[in-house]
């Protein structure tokens, strides 16, 4: 559960640090996931979901990108290899942590449906 900051921005370093802390077996996030019982879309049991999140994987690169369309509302995306953050949508710390965790879940095999 590690990220490689390829943006050279300290705000991304701080968000990565907190995301990595949250992806530890003894974190509040993992504890809360283990307590949840009503998962949608046949995601699996809480224990199965935690196992997917905590399985050791190669570090994932975090990059910035300039959207092709200025009207794009996407904050970021996972392309199968790296997490890309829309540089026109600079987020606050909490939102960046949430975005990293969201995109990391795609890296672990979870989808929107």
Protein backbone atom coordinates (compact mmCIF):
# COMPACT_ATOMS: atom_id res chain seq x y z
CA UNK A 1 0.00 0.00 0.00
CA UNK A 2 2.32 2.66 -1.18
CA UNK A 3 2.21 5.51 -3.64
CA UNK A 4 4.98 7.22 -5.64
CA UNK A 5 4.45 10.98 -5.87
CA UNK A 6 5.54 11.95 -9.37
CA UNK A 7 4.07 15.45 -9.06
CA UNK A 8 6.72 16.94 -6.75
CA UNK A 9 3.98 18.74 -4.81
CA UNK A 10 4.12 18.67 -1.02
CA UNK A 11 0.31 18.70 -0.74
CA UNK A 12 0.33 15.36 -2.58
CA UNK A 13 3.07 14.05 -0.25
CA UNK A 14 0.91 14.88 2.77
CA UNK A 15 -2.19 13.26 1.24
CA UNK A 16 -0.20 10.14 0.32
CA UNK A 17 1.15 9.90 3.86
CA UNK A 18 -2.34 9.96 5.34
CA UNK A 19 -3.76 7.55 2.71
CA UNK A 20 -0.97 5.09 3.51
CA UNK A 21 -1.74 5.38 7.23
CA UNK A 22 -5.41 4.66 6.54
CA UNK A 23 -4.48 1.56 4.55
CA UNK A 24 -2.88 -0.12 7.57
CA UNK A 25 -4.52 -3.11 9.26
CA UNK A 26 -4.97 -1.26 12.58
CA UNK A 27 -6.43 1.97 11.16
CA UNK A 28 -9.87 3.35 11.94
CA UNK A 29 -10.81 3.07 8.26
CA UNK A 30 -10.11 -0.66 8.19
CA UNK A 31 -11.86 -1.11 11.54
CA UNK A 32 -14.93 0.69 10.18
CA UNK A 33 -14.94 -1.42 7.01
CA UNK A 34 -14.80 -4.60 9.10
CA UNK A 35 -17.90 -3.47 11.03
CA UNK A 36 -19.96 -2.81 7.88
CA UNK A 37 -22.45 -5.53 6.90
CA UNK A 38 -24.50 -4.08 4.03
CA UNK A 39 -22.22 -4.04 0.97
CA UNK A 40 -23.82 -3.34 -2.42
CA UNK A 41 -23.10 -4.98 -5.76
CA UNK A 42 -21.89 -8.28 -4.26
CA UNK A 43 -18.56 -6.69 -3.32
CA UNK A 44 -17.82 -9.50 -0.88
CA UNK A 45 -17.75 -9.70 2.88
CA UNK A 46 -16.05 -7.03 4.95
CA UNK A 47 -13.12 -9.39 5.55
CA UNK A 48 -12.79 -10.05 1.79
CA UNK A 49 -12.85 -6.34 1.03
CA UNK A 50 -10.19 -5.60 3.66
CA UNK A 51 -8.04 -8.42 2.29
CA UNK A 52 -8.20 -6.89 -1.19
CA UNK A 53 -7.31 -3.44 0.17
CA UNK A 54 -4.42 -4.67 2.30
CA UNK A 55 -2.89 -7.15 -0.16
CA UNK A 56 0.66 -6.05 -0.92
CA UNK A 57 0.99 -4.60 -4.42
CA UNK A 58 3.70 -2.69 -6.26
CA UNK A 59 3.72 1.02 -5.41
CA UNK A 60 1.42 3.04 -7.62
CA UNK A 61 2.51 6.27 -9.30
CA UNK A 62 0.53 9.45 -8.67
CA UNK A 63 0.67 11.94 -11.54
CA UNK A 64 -0.93 15.22 -12.53
CA UNK A 65 -2.64 15.67 -15.87
CA UNK A 66 -4.08 18.53 -17.84
CA UNK A 67 -7.59 17.63 -19.03
CA UNK A 68 -8.21 17.64 -22.77
CA UNK A 69 -11.51 19.37 -22.19
CA UNK A 70 -11.51 22.41 -19.89
CA UNK A 71 -15.10 21.67 -18.85
CA UNK A 72 -14.16 18.23 -17.51
CA UNK A 73 -15.36 17.77 -13.94
CA UNK A 74 -13.25 14.66 -13.30
CA UNK A 75 -10.97 15.07 -10.28
CA UNK A 76 -8.82 12.16 -11.31
CA UNK A 77 -8.76 8.62 -12.64
CA UNK A 78 -6.90 5.32 -12.50
CA UNK A 79 -5.71 4.09 -15.90
CA UNK A 80 -4.71 0.58 -14.84
CA UNK A 81 -1.17 1.63 -14.01
CA UNK A 82 -1.20 5.01 -12.26
CA UNK A 83 -3.46 7.48 -10.48
CA UNK A 84 -3.88 10.73 -12.42
CA UNK A 85 -5.01 13.91 -10.66
CA UNK A 86 -6.55 16.75 -12.66
CA UNK A 87 -4.19 19.67 -12.04
CA UNK A 88 -6.96 22.17 -12.78
CA UNK A 89 -8.95 20.77 -9.85
CA UNK A 90 -6.44 21.33 -7.07
CA UNK A 91 -8.14 19.91 -4.01
CA UNK A 92 -7.80 20.43 -0.30
CA UNK A 93 -5.97 17.84 1.80
CA UNK A 94 -9.05 15.86 2.84
CA UNK A 95 -10.40 15.67 -0.72
CA UNK A 96 -7.00 14.56 -2.03
CA UNK A 97 -6.83 11.75 0.54
CA UNK A 98 -10.33 10.66 -0.46
CA UNK A 99 -9.43 10.76 -4.15
CA UNK A 100 -6.29 8.69 -3.57
CA UNK A 101 -8.25 6.09 -1.59
CA UNK A 102 -10.99 5.99 -4.21
CA UNK A 103 -8.56 5.50 -7.09
CA UNK A 104 -6.53 3.00 -5.04
CA UNK A 105 -9.69 0.92 -4.63
CA UNK A 106 -9.82 0.67 -8.44
CA UNK A 107 -6.19 -0.52 -8.35
CA UNK A 108 -7.40 -3.25 -5.97
CA UNK A 109 -10.05 -4.36 -8.44
CA UNK A 110 -13.14 -2.53 -7.26
CA UNK A 111 -15.36 -0.70 -9.76
CA UNK A 112 -18.21 1.78 -9.53
CA UNK A 113 -20.83 -0.92 -10.00
